[in-house]
Amino acid sequence: MLRRPLEPGQYTSAAFAQVSDEYGIRRSMGRVGSSYDNALAESLWQGLKRETMYKKLFLTMSQARLEIFRWLTYYNTRRRHSALSYLSPLECEQQHHKEARLSLAA
């Protein structure tokens, strides 16, 4: 059985902090009232929810994890992003490293 999503206030709770620490997750939150602080992250989460989970029922946690892994793989390797000049995140990173190597060589 999948757990229900956390309510917004739960992300700042001591229990959430403890679980995050146990799994080695570094928590990060933007300023209160600033929707621009985390716009790209919010876009990622809404895309994941809309394209992977909306109106779907996963019978097992493994099934849900596999579907999320598939979507994240697609998102990072093939999906084009306007914020990245219509490159995938993987292509953008590869281009960045290539440009960094060229500038070091020059």
N, C-alpha and C. Protein backbone atom coordinates (compact mmCIF):
# COMPACT_ATOMS: atom_id res chain seq x y z
N MET A 1 0.84 -1.17 0.00
CA MET A 1 0.00 0.00 0.00
C MET A 1 0.89 1.24 0.00
N LEU A 2 0.65 2.16 -0.93
CA LEU A 2 1.42 3.39 -1.01
C LEU A 2 0.92 4.38 0.03
N ARG A 3 1.85 5.13 0.61
CA ARG A 3 1.48 6.15 1.59
C ARG A 3 0.94 7.37 0.88
N ARG A 4 0.07 8.10 1.58
CA ARG A 4 -0.48 9.32 0.99
C ARG A 4 0.62 10.38 0.94
N PRO A 5 0.53 11.33 0.00
CA PRO A 5 1.55 12.37 -0.09
C PRO A 5 1.62 13.20 1.18
N LEU A 6 2.77 13.77 1.44
CA LEU A 6 2.95 14.64 2.59
C LEU A 6 2.24 15.97 2.36
N GLU A 7 1.70 16.51 3.42
CA GLU A 7 1.13 17.86 3.37
C GLU A 7 2.28 18.86 3.40
N PRO A 8 2.11 20.08 2.86
CA PRO A 8 3.22 21.04 2.82
C PRO A 8 3.93 21.26 4.15
N GLY A 9 3.20 21.37 5.25
CA GLY A 9 3.82 21.58 6.55
C GLY A 9 4.67 20.41 7.02
N GLN A 10 4.40 19.23 6.48
CA GLN A 10 5.15 18.05 6.90
C GLN A 10 6.60 18.10 6.43
N TYR A 11 6.90 18.85 5.37
CA TYR A 11 8.27 18.93 4.89
C TYR A 11 9.18 19.65 5.87
N THR A 12 8.62 20.45 6.74
CA THR A 12 9.42 21.17 7.73
C THR A 12 9.38 20.50 9.10
N SER A 13 8.72 19.38 9.22
CA SER A 13 8.58 18.72 10.51
C SER A 13 9.87 18.01 10.93
N ALA A 14 9.99 17.80 12.24
CA ALA A 14 11.15 17.10 12.78
C ALA A 14 11.19 15.65 12.29
N ALA A 15 10.01 15.02 12.17
CA ALA A 15 9.97 13.62 11.71
C ALA A 15 10.49 13.51 10.27
N PHE A 16 10.10 14.45 9.41
CA PHE A 16 10.58 14.44 8.02
C PHE A 16 12.08 14.67 7.98
N ALA A 17 12.56 15.59 8.80
CA ALA A 17 14.00 15.87 8.87
C ALA A 17 14.76 14.62 9.30
N GLN A 18 14.23 13.90 10.28
CA GLN A 18 14.90 12.70 10.77
C GLN A 18 14.98 11.62 9.69
N VAL A 19 13.87 11.38 8.99
CA VAL A 19 13.86 10.37 7.93
C VAL A 19 14.81 10.79 6.81
N SER A 20 14.80 12.06 6.45
CA SER A 20 15.71 12.55 5.41
C SER A 20 17.16 12.30 5.81
N ASP A 21 17.49 12.62 7.04
CA ASP A 21 18.85 12.42 7.54
C ASP A 21 19.24 10.94 7.51
N GLU A 22 18.32 10.07 7.90
CA GLU A 22 18.60 8.63 7.91
C GLU A 22 18.94 8.11 6.51
N TYR A 23 18.31 8.69 5.48
CA TYR A 23 18.55 8.24 4.11
C TYR A 23 19.60 9.09 3.39
N GLY A 24 20.22 9.99 4.11
CA GLY A 24 21.26 10.82 3.51
C GLY A 24 20.72 11.84 2.52
N ILE A 25 19.49 12.28 2.73
CA ILE A 25 18.87 13.25 1.84
C ILE A 25 19.07 14.65 2.41
N ARG A 26 19.62 15.54 1.60
CA ARG A 26 19.81 16.93 2.02
C ARG A 26 18.56 17.71 1.63
N ARG A 27 17.92 18.29 2.61
CA ARG A 27 16.70 19.05 2.37
C ARG A 27 17.04 20.46 1.94
N SER A 28 16.22 21.02 1.06
CA SER A 28 16.42 22.38 0.60
C SER A 28 15.07 23.02 0.36
N MET A 29 14.89 24.22 0.87
CA MET A 29 13.64 24.94 0.66
C MET A 29 13.96 26.38 0.29
N GLY A 30 13.15 26.93 -0.60
CA GLY A 30 13.32 28.31 -0.99
C GLY A 30 12.72 29.25 0.03
N ARG A 31 12.79 30.52 -0.29
CA ARG A 31 12.22 31.54 0.59
C ARG A 31 10.70 31.44 0.59
N VAL A 32 10.11 31.75 1.68
CA VAL A 32 8.66 31.74 1.80
C VAL A 32 8.08 32.82 0.89
N GLY A 33 7.09 32.46 0.09
CA GLY A 33 6.41 33.41 -0.76
C GLY A 33 7.08 33.68 -2.09
N SER A 34 8.18 33.01 -2.41
CA SER A 34 8.87 33.23 -3.67
C SER A 34 8.69 32.02 -4.58
N SER A 35 7.80 32.15 -5.54
CA SER A 35 7.53 31.02 -6.44
C SER A 35 8.65 30.78 -7.43
N TYR A 36 9.57 31.74 -7.58
CA TYR A 36 10.64 31.59 -8.56
C TYR A 36 11.85 30.84 -8.02
N ASP A 37 11.94 30.69 -6.71
CA ASP A 37 13.09 30.02 -6.11
C ASP A 37 13.28 28.61 -6.65
N ASN A 38 12.20 27.92 -6.87
CA ASN A 38 12.31 26.51 -7.20
C ASN A 38 11.47 26.14 -8.42
N ALA A 39 11.36 27.04 -9.38
CA ALA A 39 10.48 26.83 -10.53
C ALA A 39 10.84 25.59 -11.33
N LEU A 40 12.12 25.35 -11.56
CA LEU A 40 12.51 24.19 -12.36
C LEU A 40 12.21 22.88 -11.61
N ALA A 41 12.45 22.87 -10.31
CA ALA A 41 12.13 21.67 -9.53
C ALA A 41 10.63 21.43 -9.51
N GLU A 42 9.85 22.50 -9.36
CA GLU A 42 8.39 22.35 -9.37
C GLU A 42 7.91 21.82 -10.72
N SER A 43 8.54 22.26 -11.79
CA SER A 43 8.19 21.78 -13.13
C SER A 43 8.48 20.28 -13.25
N LEU A 44 9.61 19.85 -12.71
CA LEU A 44 9.95 18.43 -12.72
C LEU A 44 8.88 17.62 -12.01
N TRP A 45 8.49 18.04 -10.79
CA TRP A 45 7.52 17.27 -10.01
C TRP A 45 6.15 17.26 -10.66
N GLN A 46 5.71 18.39 -11.22
CA GLN A 46 4.39 18.38 -11.86
C GLN A 46 4.41 17.50 -13.10
N GLY A 47 5.52 17.48 -13.83
CA GLY A 47 5.62 16.60 -14.99
C GLY A 47 5.59 15.13 -14.59
N LEU A 48 6.34 14.80 -13.55
CA LEU A 48 6.34 13.42 -13.05
C LEU A 48 4.94 12.99 -12.64
N LYS A 49 4.26 13.84 -11.89
CA LYS A 49 2.91 13.50 -11.44
C LYS A 49 1.95 13.36 -12.62
N ARG A 50 1.99 14.33 -13.54
CA ARG A 50 1.05 14.34 -14.66
C ARG A 50 1.30 13.16 -15.62
N GLU A 51 2.56 12.91 -15.93
CA GLU A 51 2.89 11.92 -16.95
C GLU A 51 3.06 10.50 -16.43
N THR A 52 3.24 10.34 -15.14
CA THR A 52 3.51 9.02 -14.60
C THR A 52 2.44 8.52 -13.65
N MET A 53 1.89 9.41 -12.84
CA MET A 53 1.04 8.94 -11.76
C MET A 53 -0.43 9.31 -11.89
N TYR A 54 -0.75 10.31 -12.68
CA TYR A 54 -2.13 10.78 -12.76
C TYR A 54 -3.06 9.68 -13.26
N LYS A 55 -4.08 9.38 -12.49
CA LYS A 55 -5.10 8.37 -12.80
C LYS A 55 -4.52 6.97 -12.98
N LYS A 56 -3.42 6.67 -12.30
CA LYS A 56 -2.83 5.33 -12.34
C LYS A 56 -2.80 4.76 -10.94
N LEU A 57 -2.98 3.48 -10.85
CA LEU A 57 -2.89 2.80 -9.57
C LEU A 57 -1.78 1.77 -9.66
N PHE A 58 -0.80 1.89 -8.80
CA PHE A 58 0.28 0.92 -8.74
C PHE A 58 -0.05 -0.09 -7.65
N LEU A 59 0.04 -1.35 -7.98
CA LEU A 59 -0.32 -2.39 -7.03
C LEU A 59 0.77 -2.67 -6.01
N THR A 60 2.02 -2.38 -6.40
CA THR A 60 3.13 -2.61 -5.48
C THR A 60 4.07 -1.41 -5.50
N MET A 61 4.86 -1.28 -4.47
CA MET A 61 5.87 -0.23 -4.42
C MET A 61 6.90 -0.44 -5.52
N SER A 62 7.25 -1.70 -5.81
CA SER A 62 8.21 -1.99 -6.87
C SER A 62 7.71 -1.51 -8.23
N GLN A 63 6.44 -1.71 -8.48
CA GLN A 63 5.84 -1.26 -9.73
C GLN A 63 5.91 0.27 -9.84
N ALA A 64 5.61 0.97 -8.77
CA ALA A 64 5.67 2.43 -8.76
C ALA A 64 7.11 2.91 -8.96
N ARG A 65 8.04 2.30 -8.26
CA ARG A 65 9.45 2.69 -8.39
C ARG A 65 9.96 2.48 -9.80
N LEU A 66 9.59 1.36 -10.43
CA LEU A 66 10.04 1.08 -11.79
C LEU A 66 9.48 2.11 -12.77
N GLU A 67 8.22 2.45 -12.63
CA GLU A 67 7.61 3.44 -13.52
C GLU A 67 8.27 4.81 -13.34
N ILE A 68 8.55 5.19 -12.10
CA ILE A 68 9.21 6.47 -11.84
C ILE A 68 10.63 6.45 -12.38
N PHE A 69 11.34 5.35 -12.23
CA PHE A 69 12.71 5.22 -12.76
C PHE A 69 12.69 5.35 -14.28
N ARG A 70 11.74 4.70 -14.93
CA ARG A 70 11.63 4.80 -16.40
C ARG A 70 11.41 6.24 -16.83
N TRP A 71 10.50 6.93 -16.13
CA TRP A 71 10.20 8.31 -16.50
C TRP A 71 11.41 9.21 -16.28
N LEU A 72 12.09 9.06 -15.15
CA LEU A 72 13.27 9.88 -14.87
C LEU A 72 14.39 9.63 -15.89
N THR A 73 14.54 8.38 -16.32
CA THR A 73 15.53 8.07 -17.35
C THR A 73 15.18 8.79 -18.64
N TYR A 74 13.92 8.73 -19.04
CA TYR A 74 13.46 9.45 -20.24
C TYR A 74 13.67 10.96 -20.06
N TYR A 75 13.27 11.49 -18.93
CA TYR A 75 13.35 12.92 -18.65
C TYR A 75 14.78 13.42 -18.76
N ASN A 76 15.72 12.66 -18.23
CA ASN A 76 17.12 13.10 -18.22
C ASN A 76 17.89 12.82 -19.49
N THR A 77 17.47 11.85 -20.27
CA THR A 77 18.26 11.47 -21.44
C THR A 77 17.64 11.85 -22.78
N ARG A 78 16.32 11.99 -22.85
CA ARG A 78 15.69 12.21 -24.15
C ARG A 78 14.78 13.43 -24.23
N ARG A 79 14.16 13.79 -23.14
CA ARG A 79 13.19 14.89 -23.18
C ARG A 79 13.90 16.24 -23.31
N ARG A 80 13.44 17.04 -24.26
CA ARG A 80 14.01 18.37 -24.49
C ARG A 80 13.42 19.37 -23.50
N HIS A 81 14.24 20.32 -23.05
CA HIS A 81 13.81 21.30 -22.07
C HIS A 81 14.07 22.71 -22.61
N SER A 82 13.04 23.53 -22.61
CA SER A 82 13.20 24.90 -23.11
C SER A 82 14.23 25.67 -22.28
N ALA A 83 14.29 25.42 -20.99
CA ALA A 83 15.25 26.12 -20.12
C ALA A 83 16.70 25.73 -20.43
N LEU A 84 16.88 24.65 -21.20
CA LEU A 84 18.22 24.17 -21.56
C LEU A 84 18.47 24.31 -23.05
N SER A 85 17.86 25.32 -23.67
CA SER A 85 17.98 25.55 -25.11
C SER A 85 17.53 24.33 -25.91
N TYR A 86 16.49 23.69 -25.45
CA TYR A 86 15.88 22.53 -26.08
C TYR A 86 16.83 21.34 -26.22
N LEU A 87 17.69 21.20 -25.23
CA LEU A 87 18.53 20.01 -25.09
C LEU A 87 17.97 19.19 -23.95
N SER A 88 18.31 17.90 -23.94
CA SER A 88 17.97 17.09 -22.77
C SER A 88 18.98 17.43 -21.68
N PRO A 89 18.68 17.14 -20.42
CA PRO A 89 19.66 17.40 -19.36
C PRO A 89 21.00 16.70 -19.62
N LEU A 90 20.96 15.49 -20.15
CA LEU A 90 22.19 14.77 -20.45
C LEU A 90 22.99 15.49 -21.53
N GLU A 91 22.32 15.91 -22.60
CA GLU A 91 23.01 16.64 -23.68
C GLU A 91 23.59 17.96 -23.18
N CYS A 92 22.83 18.65 -22.33
CA CYS A 92 23.29 19.92 -21.78
C CYS A 92 24.55 19.71 -20.93
N GLU A 93 24.55 18.68 -20.11
CA GLU A 93 25.71 18.40 -19.27
C GLU A 93 26.92 18.02 -20.13
N GLN A 94 26.70 17.19 -21.15
CA GLN A 94 27.80 16.80 -22.03
C GLN A 94 28.37 18.02 -22.75
N GLN A 95 27.50 18.92 -23.21
CA GLN A 95 27.96 20.13 -23.88
C GLN A 95 28.75 21.01 -22.92
N HIS A 96 28.28 21.11 -21.69
CA HIS A 96 28.98 21.91 -20.68
C HIS A 96 30.39 21.37 -20.45
N HIS A 97 30.52 20.06 -20.30
CA HIS A 97 31.84 19.47 -20.05
C HIS A 97 32.75 19.63 -21.26
N LYS A 98 32.19 19.52 -22.46
CA LYS A 98 32.97 19.70 -23.68
C LYS A 98 33.49 21.13 -23.77
N GLU A 99 32.63 22.11 -23.48
CA GLU A 99 33.06 23.52 -23.51
C GLU A 99 34.09 23.79 -22.43
N ALA A 100 33.94 23.18 -21.27
CA ALA A 100 34.91 23.37 -20.18
C ALA A 100 36.28 22.83 -20.57
N ARG A 101 36.29 21.65 -21.23
CA ARG A 101 37.56 21.07 -21.68
C ARG A 101 38.21 21.94 -22.74
N LEU A 102 37.41 22.48 -23.66
CA LEU A 102 37.95 23.33 -24.72
C LEU A 102 38.55 24.61 -24.14
N SER A 103 37.89 25.19 -23.15
CA SER A 103 38.41 26.43 -22.57
C SER A 103 39.69 26.17 -21.77
N LEU A 104 39.79 24.99 -21.17
CA LEU A 104 41.03 24.65 -20.46
C LEU A 104 42.17 24.43 -21.43
N ALA A 105 41.86 23.87 -22.59
CA ALA A 105 42.89 23.58 -23.59
C ALA A 105 43.38 24.85 -24.26
N ALA A 106 42.55 25.89 -24.29
CA ALA A 106 42.92 27.12 -24.99
C ALA A 106 43.85 27.99 -24.23
